[in-house]
Amino acid sequence: QAAVLGAAKATNEYVQGDLEAAKNAQNAAHGVRLDALKDFGG
């Protein structure tokens, strides 16, 4: 029982971490000024 519940909980935490990382990446992308990147790179 502990092994099954532990694996399920760990997987749920992993999925929640992925969702949180994706949310943080989207929030960071919203803060980027695209006009400032226009001349970046040469």
PDB file of all heavy atoms in Angstrom:
ATOM      1  N   GLN A   1       0.823  -1.203   0.000  1.00  0.00           N
ATOM      2  CA  GLN A   1       0.000   0.000   0.000  1.00  0.00           C
ATOM      3  C   GLN A   1       0.864   1.262   0.000  1.00  0.00           C
ATOM      4  O   GLN A   1       0.607   2.196  -0.762  1.00  0.00           O
ATOM      5  CB  GLN A   1      -0.933   0.005   1.207  1.00  0.00           C
ATOM      6  CG  GLN A   1      -1.853   1.217   1.238  1.00  0.00           C
ATOM      7  CD  GLN A   1      -2.773   1.206   2.450  1.00  0.00           C
ATOM      8  OE1 GLN A   1      -2.522   0.518   3.426  1.00  0.00           O
ATOM      9  NE2 GLN A   1      -3.834   1.969   2.375  1.00  0.00           N
ATOM     10  N   ALA A   2       1.897   1.292   0.824  1.00  0.00           N
ATOM     11  CA  ALA A   2       2.772   2.461   0.893  1.00  0.00           C
ATOM     12  C   ALA A   2       3.495   2.700  -0.432  1.00  0.00           C
ATOM     13  O   ALA A   2       3.647   3.848  -0.867  1.00  0.00           O
ATOM     14  CB  ALA A   2       3.786   2.299   2.030  1.00  0.00           C
ATOM     15  N   ALA A   3       3.925   1.629  -1.088  1.00  0.00           N
ATOM     16  CA  ALA A   3       4.630   1.770  -2.367  1.00  0.00           C
ATOM     17  C   ALA A   3       3.709   2.346  -3.439  1.00  0.00           C
ATOM     18  O   ALA A   3       4.091   3.260  -4.177  1.00  0.00           O
ATOM     19  CB  ALA A   3       5.183   0.414  -2.821  1.00  0.00           C
ATOM     20  N   VAL A   4       2.490   1.835  -3.516  1.00  0.00           N
ATOM     21  CA  VAL A   4       1.546   2.325  -4.518  1.00  0.00           C
ATOM     22  C   VAL A   4       1.184   3.779  -4.245  1.00  0.00           C
ATOM     23  O   VAL A   4       1.218   4.624  -5.155  1.00  0.00           O
ATOM     24  CB  VAL A   4       0.286   1.429  -4.564  1.00  0.00           C
ATOM     25  CG1 VAL A   4      -0.820   2.065  -5.389  1.00  0.00           C
ATOM     26  CG2 VAL A   4       0.637   0.055  -5.121  1.00  0.00           C
ATOM     27  N   LEU A   5       0.844   4.080  -2.994  1.00  0.00           N
ATOM     28  CA  LEU A   5       0.475   5.462  -2.658  1.00  0.00           C
ATOM     29  C   LEU A   5       1.655   6.415  -2.839  1.00  0.00           C
ATOM     30  O   LEU A   5       1.488   7.538  -3.319  1.00  0.00           O
ATOM     31  CB  LEU A   5      -0.061   5.538  -1.229  1.00  0.00           C
ATOM     32  CG  LEU A   5      -1.385   4.819  -0.985  1.00  0.00           C
ATOM     33  CD1 LEU A   5      -1.777   4.886   0.485  1.00  0.00           C
ATOM     34  CD2 LEU A   5      -2.489   5.402  -1.851  1.00  0.00           C
ATOM     35  N   GLY A   6       2.861   5.971  -2.480  1.00  0.00           N
ATOM     36  CA  GLY A   6       4.052   6.808  -2.637  1.00  0.00           C
ATOM     37  C   GLY A   6       4.355   7.097  -4.096  1.00  0.00           C
ATOM     38  O   GLY A   6       4.674   8.237  -4.464  1.00  0.00           O
ATOM     39  N   ALA A   7       4.253   6.086  -4.952  1.00  0.00           N
ATOM     40  CA  ALA A   7       4.501   6.291  -6.387  1.00  0.00           C
ATOM     41  C   ALA A   7       3.456   7.221  -6.991  1.00  0.00           C
ATOM     42  O   ALA A   7       3.790   8.101  -7.806  1.00  0.00           O
ATOM     43  CB  ALA A   7       4.510   4.948  -7.117  1.00  0.00           C
ATOM     44  N   ALA A   8       2.209   7.064  -6.592  1.00  0.00           N
ATOM     45  CA  ALA A   8       1.142   7.937  -7.101  1.00  0.00           C
ATOM     46  C   ALA A   8       1.369   9.378  -6.661  1.00  0.00           C
ATOM     47  O   ALA A   8       1.262  10.312  -7.462  1.00  0.00           O
ATOM     48  CB  ALA A   8      -0.219   7.437  -6.631  1.00  0.00           C
ATOM     49  N   LYS A   9       1.726   9.566  -5.391  1.00  0.00           N
ATOM     50  CA  LYS A   9       1.963  10.922  -4.878  1.00  0.00           C
ATOM     51  C   LYS A   9       3.167  11.566  -5.564  1.00  0.00           C
ATOM     52  O   LYS A   9       3.120  12.731  -5.960  1.00  0.00           O
ATOM     53  CB  LYS A   9       2.175  10.888  -3.365  1.00  0.00           C
ATOM     54  CG  LYS A   9       2.353  12.256  -2.762  1.00  0.00           C
ATOM     55  CD  LYS A   9       2.492  12.200  -1.259  1.00  0.00           C
ATOM     56  CE  LYS A   9       2.673  13.612  -0.708  1.00  0.00           C
ATOM     57  NZ  LYS A   9       2.849  13.621   0.731  1.00  0.00           N
ATOM     58  N   ALA A  10       4.251  10.807  -5.713  1.00  0.00           N
ATOM     59  CA  ALA A  10       5.453  11.347  -6.365  1.00  0.00           C
ATOM     60  C   ALA A  10       5.160  11.743  -7.812  1.00  0.00           C
ATOM     61  O   ALA A  10       5.611  12.797  -8.286  1.00  0.00           O
ATOM     62  CB  ALA A  10       6.582  10.313  -6.321  1.00  0.00           C
ATOM     63  N   THR A  11       4.391  10.922  -8.518  1.00  0.00           N
ATOM     64  CA  THR A  11       4.051  11.242  -9.904  1.00  0.00           C
ATOM     65  C   THR A  11       3.181  12.489  -9.971  1.00  0.00           C
ATOM     66  O   THR A  11       3.383  13.348 -10.843  1.00  0.00           O
ATOM     67  CB  THR A  11       3.340  10.042 -10.575  1.00  0.00           C
ATOM     68  OG1 THR A  11       4.197   8.911 -10.468  1.00  0.00           O
ATOM     69  CG2 THR A  11       3.048  10.312 -12.031  1.00  0.00           C
ATOM     70  N   ASN A  12       2.223  12.605  -9.066  1.00  0.00           N
ATOM     71  CA  ASN A  12       1.380  13.811  -9.033  1.00  0.00           C
ATOM     72  C   ASN A  12       2.211  15.057  -8.756  1.00  0.00           C
ATOM     73  O   ASN A  12       1.991  16.109  -9.368  1.00  0.00           O
ATOM     74  CB  ASN A  12       0.268  13.663  -7.992  1.00  0.00           C
ATOM     75  CG  ASN A  12      -0.821  12.715  -8.442  1.00  0.00           C
ATOM     76  OD1 ASN A  12      -1.025  12.505  -9.629  1.00  0.00           O
ATOM     77  ND2 ASN A  12      -1.520  12.125  -7.492  1.00  0.00           N
ATOM     78  N   GLU A  13       3.172  14.945  -7.852  1.00  0.00           N
ATOM     79  CA  GLU A  13       4.052  16.080  -7.553  1.00  0.00           C
ATOM     80  C   GLU A  13       4.893  16.443  -8.778  1.00  0.00           C
ATOM     81  O   GLU A  13       5.116  17.619  -9.068  1.00  0.00           O
ATOM     82  CB  GLU A  13       4.956  15.768  -6.356  1.00  0.00           C
ATOM     83  CG  GLU A  13       4.216  15.620  -5.042  1.00  0.00           C
ATOM     84  CD  GLU A  13       3.596  16.910  -4.543  1.00  0.00           C
ATOM     85  OE1 GLU A  13       4.147  18.003  -4.817  1.00  0.00           O
ATOM     86  OE2 GLU A  13       2.547  16.823  -3.897  1.00  0.00           O
ATOM     87  N   TYR A  14       5.351  15.446  -9.499  1.00  0.00           N
ATOM     88  CA  TYR A  14       6.125  15.662 -10.729  1.00  0.00           C
ATOM     89  C   TYR A  14       5.286  16.423 -11.751  1.00  0.00           C
ATOM     90  O   TYR A  14       5.747  17.397 -12.352  1.00  0.00           O
ATOM     91  CB  TYR A  14       6.574  14.310 -11.289  1.00  0.00           C
ATOM     92  CG  TYR A  14       7.237  14.388 -12.645  1.00  0.00           C
ATOM     93  CD1 TYR A  14       8.565  14.749 -12.767  1.00  0.00           C
ATOM     94  CD2 TYR A  14       6.516  14.097 -13.800  1.00  0.00           C
ATOM     95  CE1 TYR A  14       9.177  14.812 -14.011  1.00  0.00           C
ATOM     96  CE2 TYR A  14       7.112  14.158 -15.045  1.00  0.00           C
ATOM     97  CZ  TYR A  14       8.444  14.517 -15.149  1.00  0.00           C
ATOM     98  OH  TYR A  14       9.042  14.582 -16.381  1.00  0.00           O
ATOM     99  N   VAL A  15       4.040  15.989 -11.930  1.00  0.00           N
ATOM    100  CA  VAL A  15       3.148  16.658 -12.885  1.00  0.00           C
ATOM    101  C   VAL A  15       2.884  18.093 -12.434  1.00  0.00           C
ATOM    102  O   VAL A  15       2.914  19.023 -13.256  1.00  0.00           O
ATOM    103  CB  VAL A  15       1.829  15.867 -13.042  1.00  0.00           C
ATOM    104  CG1 VAL A  15       0.789  16.672 -13.820  1.00  0.00           C
ATOM    105  CG2 VAL A  15       2.095  14.537 -13.730  1.00  0.00           C
ATOM    106  N   GLN A  16       2.642  18.293 -11.150  1.00  0.00           N
ATOM    107  CA  GLN A  16       2.406  19.653 -10.641  1.00  0.00           C
ATOM    108  C   GLN A  16       3.636  20.531 -10.850  1.00  0.00           C
ATOM    109  O   GLN A  16       3.518  21.711 -11.188  1.00  0.00           O
ATOM    110  CB  GLN A  16       2.019  19.612  -9.156  1.00  0.00           C
ATOM    111  CG  GLN A  16       0.659  19.008  -8.887  1.00  0.00           C
ATOM    112  CD  GLN A  16      -0.449  19.723  -9.637  1.00  0.00           C
ATOM    113  OE1 GLN A  16      -0.523  20.951  -9.687  1.00  0.00           O
ATOM    114  NE2 GLN A  16      -1.329  18.943 -10.243  1.00  0.00           N
ATOM    115  N   GLY A  17       4.822  19.966 -10.670  1.00  0.00           N
ATOM    116  CA  GLY A  17       6.060  20.722 -10.917  1.00  0.00           C
ATOM    117  C   GLY A  17       6.194  21.117 -12.385  1.00  0.00           C
ATOM    118  O   GLY A  17       6.604  22.248 -12.694  1.00  0.00           O
ATOM    119  N   ASP A  18       5.853  20.202 -13.288  1.00  0.00           N
ATOM    120  CA  ASP A  18       5.873  20.528 -14.721  1.00  0.00           C
ATOM    121  C   ASP A  18       4.900  21.643 -15.044  1.00  0.00           C
ATOM    122  O   ASP A  18       5.222  22.563 -15.811  1.00  0.00           O
ATOM    123  CB  ASP A  18       5.515  19.292 -15.555  1.00  0.00           C
ATOM    124  CG  ASP A  18       6.709  18.432 -15.879  1.00  0.00           C
ATOM    125  OD1 ASP A  18       7.849  18.804 -15.488  1.00  0.00           O
ATOM    126  OD2 ASP A  18       6.515  17.380 -16.527  1.00  0.00           O
ATOM    127  N   LEU A  19       3.710  21.584 -14.480  1.00  0.00           N
ATOM    128  CA  LEU A  19       2.708  22.630 -14.737  1.00  0.00           C
ATOM    129  C   LEU A  19       3.166  23.979 -14.192  1.00  0.00           C
ATOM    130  O   LEU A  19       2.990  25.018 -14.842  1.00  0.00           O
ATOM    131  CB  LEU A  19       1.359  22.238 -14.126  1.00  0.00           C
ATOM    132  CG  LEU A  19       0.662  21.033 -14.760  1.00  0.00           C
ATOM    133  CD1 LEU A  19      -0.588  20.654 -13.962  1.00  0.00           C
ATOM    134  CD2 LEU A  19       0.309  21.334 -16.209  1.00  0.00           C
ATOM    135  N   GLU A  20       3.777  23.950 -13.019  1.00  0.00           N
ATOM    136  CA  GLU A  20       4.279  25.192 -12.429  1.00  0.00           C
ATOM    137  C   GLU A  20       5.432  25.767 -13.261  1.00  0.00           C
ATOM    138  O   GLU A  20       5.500  26.981 -13.487  1.00  0.00           O
ATOM    139  CB  GLU A  20       4.738  24.957 -10.994  1.00  0.00           C
ATOM    140  CG  GLU A  20       5.121  26.228 -10.268  1.00  0.00           C
ATOM    141  CD  GLU A  20       5.468  25.994  -8.815  1.00  0.00           C
ATOM    142  OE1 GLU A  20       4.995  24.996  -8.238  1.00  0.00           O
ATOM    143  OE2 GLU A  20       6.219  26.825  -8.267  1.00  0.00           O
ATOM    144  N   ALA A  21       6.324  24.903 -13.748  1.00  0.00           N
ATOM    145  CA  ALA A  21       7.428  25.367 -14.598  1.00  0.00           C
ATOM    146  C   ALA A  21       6.897  25.966 -15.898  1.00  0.00           C
ATOM    147  O   ALA A  21       7.392  27.008 -16.361  1.00  0.00           O
ATOM    148  CB  ALA A  21       8.378  24.206 -14.895  1.00  0.00           C
ATOM    149  N   ALA A  22       5.886  25.350 -16.478  1.00  0.00           N
ATOM    150  CA  ALA A  22       5.295  25.889 -17.707  1.00  0.00           C
ATOM    151  C   ALA A  22       4.634  27.234 -17.445  1.00  0.00           C
ATOM    152  O   ALA A  22       4.755  28.171 -18.250  1.00  0.00           O
ATOM    153  CB  ALA A  22       4.273  24.899 -18.269  1.00  0.00           C
ATOM    154  N   LYS A  23       3.961  27.358 -16.323  1.00  0.00           N
ATOM    155  CA  LYS A  23       3.316  28.627 -15.967  1.00  0.00           C
ATOM    156  C   LYS A  23       4.369  29.718 -15.774  1.00  0.00           C
ATOM    157  O   LYS A  23       4.209  30.852 -16.263  1.00  0.00           O
ATOM    158  CB  LYS A  23       2.501  28.452 -14.680  1.00  0.00           C
ATOM    159  CG  LYS A  23       1.801  29.695 -14.214  1.00  0.00           C
ATOM    160  CD  LYS A  23       1.044  29.429 -12.924  1.00  0.00           C
ATOM    161  CE  LYS A  23       0.496  30.719 -12.367  1.00  0.00           C
ATOM    162  NZ  LYS A  23      -0.133  30.525 -11.064  1.00  0.00           N
ATOM    163  N   ASN A  24       5.457  29.375 -15.086  1.00  0.00           N
ATOM    164  CA  ASN A  24       6.529  30.355 -14.877  1.00  0.00           C
ATOM    165  C   ASN A  24       7.160  30.761 -16.206  1.00  0.00           C
ATOM    166  O   ASN A  24       7.493  31.939 -16.407  1.00  0.00           O
ATOM    167  CB  ASN A  24       7.595  29.791 -13.939  1.00  0.00           C
ATOM    168  CG  ASN A  24       7.094  29.669 -12.518  1.00  0.00           C
ATOM    169  OD1 ASN A  24       6.109  30.289 -12.132  1.00  0.00           O
ATOM    170  ND2 ASN A  24       7.744  28.828 -11.735  1.00  0.00           N
ATOM    171  N   ALA A  25       7.322  29.821 -17.115  1.00  0.00           N
ATOM    172  CA  ALA A  25       7.891  30.137 -18.428  1.00  0.00           C
ATOM    173  C   ALA A  25       6.961  31.052 -19.208  1.00  0.00           C
ATOM    174  O   ALA A  25       7.411  32.004 -19.873  1.00  0.00           O
ATOM    175  CB  ALA A  25       8.151  28.854 -19.217  1.00  0.00           C
ATOM    176  N   GLN A  26       5.674  30.834 -19.139  1.00  0.00           N
ATOM    177  CA  GLN A  26       4.720  31.707 -19.819  1.00  0.00           C
ATOM    178  C   GLN A  26       4.733  33.102 -19.218  1.00  0.00           C
ATOM    179  O   GLN A  26       4.705  34.104 -19.945  1.00  0.00           O
ATOM    180  CB  GLN A  26       3.307  31.131 -19.743  1.00  0.00           C
ATOM    181  CG  GLN A  26       3.075  29.961 -20.658  1.00  0.00           C
ATOM    182  CD  GLN A  26       1.680  29.394 -20.519  1.00  0.00           C
ATOM    183  OE1 GLN A  26       0.967  29.671 -19.552  1.00  0.00           O
ATOM    184  NE2 GLN A  26       1.289  28.569 -21.485  1.00  0.00           N
ATOM    185  N   ASN A  27       4.788  33.179 -17.895  1.00  0.00           N
ATOM    186  CA  ASN A  27       4.838  34.494 -17.240  1.00  0.00           C
ATOM    187  C   ASN A  27       6.116  35.234 -17.610  1.00  0.00           C
ATOM    188  O   ASN A  27       6.099  36.445 -17.826  1.00  0.00           O
ATOM    189  CB  ASN A  27       4.734  34.334 -15.725  1.00  0.00           C
ATOM    190  CG  ASN A  27       3.346  33.922 -15.287  1.00  0.00           C
ATOM    191  OD1 ASN A  27       2.370  34.074 -16.017  1.00  0.00           O
ATOM    192  ND2 ASN A  27       3.249  33.367 -14.090  1.00  0.00           N
ATOM    193  N   ALA A  28       7.219  34.525 -17.704  1.00  0.00           N
ATOM    194  CA  ALA A  28       8.483  35.156 -18.090  1.00  0.00           C
ATOM    195  C   ALA A  28       8.422  35.634 -19.527  1.00  0.00           C
ATOM    196  O   ALA A  28       8.941  36.709 -19.867  1.00  0.00           O
ATOM    197  CB  ALA A  28       9.638  34.175 -17.907  1.00  0.00           C
ATOM    198  N   ALA A  29       7.771  34.888 -20.387  1.00  0.00           N
ATOM    199  CA  ALA A  29       7.657  35.270 -21.796  1.00  0.00           C
ATOM    200  C   ALA A  29       6.808  36.517 -21.952  1.00  0.00           C
ATOM    201  O   ALA A  29       7.071  37.343 -22.841  1.00  0.00           O
ATOM    202  CB  ALA A  29       7.071  34.127 -22.616  1.00  0.00           C
ATOM    203  N   HIS A  30       5.825  36.695 -21.111  1.00  0.00           N
ATOM    204  CA  HIS A  30       4.977  37.890 -21.182  1.00  0.00           C
ATOM    205  C   HIS A  30       5.756  39.147 -20.809  1.00  0.00           C
ATOM    206  O   HIS A  30       5.412  40.246 -21.266  1.00  0.00           O
ATOM    207  CB  HIS A  30       3.754  37.752 -20.263  1.00  0.00           C
ATOM    208  CG  HIS A  30       2.756  36.761 -20.746  1.00  0.00           C
ATOM    209  ND1 HIS A  30       1.983  36.955 -21.863  1.00  0.00           N
ATOM    210  CD2 HIS A  30       2.407  35.550 -20.251  1.00  0.00           C
ATOM    211  CE1 HIS A  30       1.203  35.915 -22.053  1.00  0.00           C
ATOM    212  NE2 HIS A  30       1.452  35.025 -21.078  1.00  0.00           N
ATOM    213  N   GLY A  31       6.787  39.005 -20.009  1.00  0.00           N
ATOM    214  CA  GLY A  31       7.567  40.154 -19.576  1.00  0.00           C
ATOM    215  C   GLY A  31       8.665  40.560 -20.553  1.00  0.00           C
ATOM    216  O   GLY A  31       9.327  41.576 -20.359  1.00  0.00           O
ATOM    217  N   VAL A  32       8.859  39.831 -21.602  1.00  0.00           N
ATOM    218  CA  VAL A  32       9.919  40.132 -22.570  1.00  0.00           C
ATOM    219  C   VAL A  32       9.395  41.136 -23.584  1.00  0.00           C
ATOM    220  O   VAL A  32       8.319  40.967 -24.153  1.00  0.00           O
ATOM    221  CB  VAL A  32      10.385  38.833 -23.281  1.00  0.00           C
ATOM    222  CG1 VAL A  32      11.373  39.158 -24.383  1.00  0.00           C
ATOM    223  CG2 VAL A  32      10.996  37.877 -22.280  1.00  0.00           C
ATOM    224  N   ARG A  33      10.192  42.170 -23.802  1.00  0.00           N
ATOM    225  CA  ARG A  33       9.830  43.163 -24.823  1.00  0.00           C
ATOM    226  C   ARG A  33      10.377  42.678 -26.156  1.00  0.00           C
ATOM    227  O   ARG A  33      11.581  42.586 -26.348  1.00  0.00           O
ATOM    228  CB  ARG A  33      10.433  44.514 -24.465  1.00  0.00           C
ATOM    229  CG  ARG A  33       9.757  45.158 -23.272  1.00  0.00           C
ATOM    230  CD  ARG A  33      10.259  46.553 -22.971  1.00  0.00           C
ATOM    231  NE  ARG A  33      10.616  47.302 -24.179  1.00  0.00           N
ATOM    232  CZ  ARG A  33      11.646  48.147 -24.237  1.00  0.00           C
ATOM    233  NH1 ARG A  33      12.399  48.341 -23.189  1.00  0.00           N
ATOM    234  NH2 ARG A  33      11.913  48.785 -25.346  1.00  0.00           N
ATOM    235  N   LEU A  34       9.475  42.339 -27.053  1.00  0.00           N
ATOM    236  CA  LEU A  34       9.892  41.824 -28.348  1.00  0.00           C
ATOM    237  C   LEU A  34      10.618  42.881 -29.172  1.00  0.00           C
ATOM    238  O   LEU A  34      11.517  42.543 -29.933  1.00  0.00           O
ATOM    239  CB  LEU A  34       8.686  41.273 -29.116  1.00  0.00           C
ATOM    240  CG  LEU A  34       8.019  40.053 -28.475  1.00  0.00           C
ATOM    241  CD1 LEU A  34       6.816  39.644 -29.284  1.00  0.00           C
ATOM    242  CD2 LEU A  34       8.996  38.920 -28.359  1.00  0.00           C
ATOM    243  N   ASP A  35      10.239  44.169 -29.014  1.00  0.00           N
ATOM    244  CA  ASP A  35      10.920  45.219 -29.773  1.00  0.00           C
ATOM    245  C   ASP A  35      12.378  45.349 -29.357  1.00  0.00           C
ATOM    246  O   ASP A  35      13.231  45.705 -30.165  1.00  0.00           O
ATOM    247  CB  ASP A  35      10.176  46.558 -29.634  1.00  0.00           C
ATOM    248  CG  ASP A  35      10.137  47.061 -28.204  1.00  0.00           C
ATOM    249  OD1 ASP A  35      10.108  46.235 -27.275  1.00  0.00           O
ATOM    250  OD2 ASP A  35      10.132  48.299 -28.019  1.00  0.00           O
ATOM    251  N   ALA A  36      12.719  44.984 -28.095  1.00  0.00           N
ATOM    252  CA  ALA A  36      14.097  45.046 -27.627  1.00  0.00           C
ATOM    253  C   ALA A  36      14.921  43.902 -28.231  1.00  0.00           C
ATOM    254  O   ALA A  36      16.138  44.010 -28.336  1.00  0.00           O
ATOM    255  CB  ALA A  36      14.147  44.991 -26.110  1.00  0.00           C
ATOM    256  N   LEU A  37      14.273  42.823 -28.615  1.00  0.00           N
ATOM    257  CA  LEU A  37      14.973  41.686 -29.186  1.00  0.00           C
ATOM    258  C   LEU A  37      15.142  41.810 -30.701  1.00  0.00           C
ATOM    259  O   LEU A  37      15.838  40.995 -31.308  1.00  0.00           O
ATOM    260  CB  LEU A  37      14.212  40.391 -28.874  1.00  0.00           C
ATOM    261  CG  LEU A  37      14.149  39.992 -27.401  1.00  0.00           C
ATOM    262  CD1 LEU A  37      13.268  38.770 -27.225  1.00  0.00           C
ATOM    263  CD2 LEU A  37      15.541  39.703 -26.868  1.00  0.00           C
ATOM    264  N   LYS A  38      14.530  42.822 -31.286  1.00  0.00           N
ATOM    265  CA  LYS A  38      14.525  42.954 -32.734  1.00  0.00           C
ATOM    266  C   LYS A  38      15.927  43.017 -33.313  1.00  0.00           C
ATOM    267  O   LYS A  38      16.229  42.362 -34.304  1.00  0.00           O
ATOM    268  CB  LYS A  38      13.721  44.211 -33.110  1.00  0.00           C
ATOM    269  CG  LYS A  38      13.654  44.482 -34.573  1.00  0.00           C
ATOM    270  CD  LYS A  38      12.645  45.571 -34.888  1.00  0.00           C
ATOM    271  CE  LYS A  38      13.270  46.925 -34.621  1.00  0.00           C
ATOM    272  NZ  LYS A  38      12.430  48.027 -35.042  1.00  0.00           N
ATOM    273  N   ASP A  39      16.776  43.739 -32.705  1.00  0.00           N
ATOM    274  CA  ASP A  39      18.136  43.905 -33.229  1.00  0.00           C
ATOM    275  C   ASP A  39      19.124  42.964 -32.565  1.00  0.00           C
ATOM    276  O   ASP A  39      20.315  43.028 -32.844  1.00  0.00           O
ATOM    277  CB  ASP A  39      18.597  45.341 -33.019  1.00  0.00           C
ATOM    278  CG  ASP A  39      17.801  46.300 -33.880  1.00  0.00           C
ATOM    279  OD1 ASP A  39      17.375  45.891 -34.973  1.00  0.00           O
ATOM    280  OD2 ASP A  39      17.558  47.439 -33.429  1.00  0.00           O
ATOM    281  N   PHE A  40      18.663  42.114 -31.700  1.00  0.00           N
ATOM    282  CA  PHE A  40      19.551  41.194 -31.006  1.00  0.00           C
ATOM    283  C   PHE A  40      20.003  40.092 -31.945  1.00  0.00           C
ATOM    284  O   PHE A  40      19.240  39.512 -32.684  1.00  0.00           O
ATOM    285  CB  PHE A  40      18.813  40.567 -29.796  1.00  0.00           C
ATOM    286  CG  PHE A  40      19.670  39.691 -28.971  1.00  0.00           C
ATOM    287  CD1 PHE A  40      20.618  40.238 -28.112  1.00  0.00           C
ATOM    288  CD2 PHE A  40      19.575  38.310 -29.028  1.00  0.00           C
ATOM    289  CE1 PHE A  40      21.419  39.427 -27.336  1.00  0.00           C
ATOM    290  CE2 PHE A  40      20.373  37.499 -28.274  1.00  0.00           C
ATOM    291  CZ  PHE A  40      21.310  38.068 -27.413  1.00  0.00           C
ATOM    292  N   GLY A  41      21.280  39.803 -31.934  1.00  0.00           N
ATOM    293  CA  GLY A  41      21.786  38.700 -32.732  1.00  0.00           C
ATOM    294  C   GLY A  41      22.460  39.141 -34.016  1.00  0.00           C
ATOM    295  O   GLY A  41      22.780  38.328 -34.850  1.00  0.00           O
ATOM    296  N   GLY A  42      22.641  40.375 -34.215  1.00  0.00           N
ATOM    297  CA  GLY A  42      23.363  40.811 -35.419  1.00  0.00           C
ATOM    298  C   GLY A  42      22.507  41.600 -36.383  1.00  0.00           C
ATOM    299  O   GLY A  42      21.328  41.819 -36.158  1.00  0.00           O
TER     300      GLY A  42
END
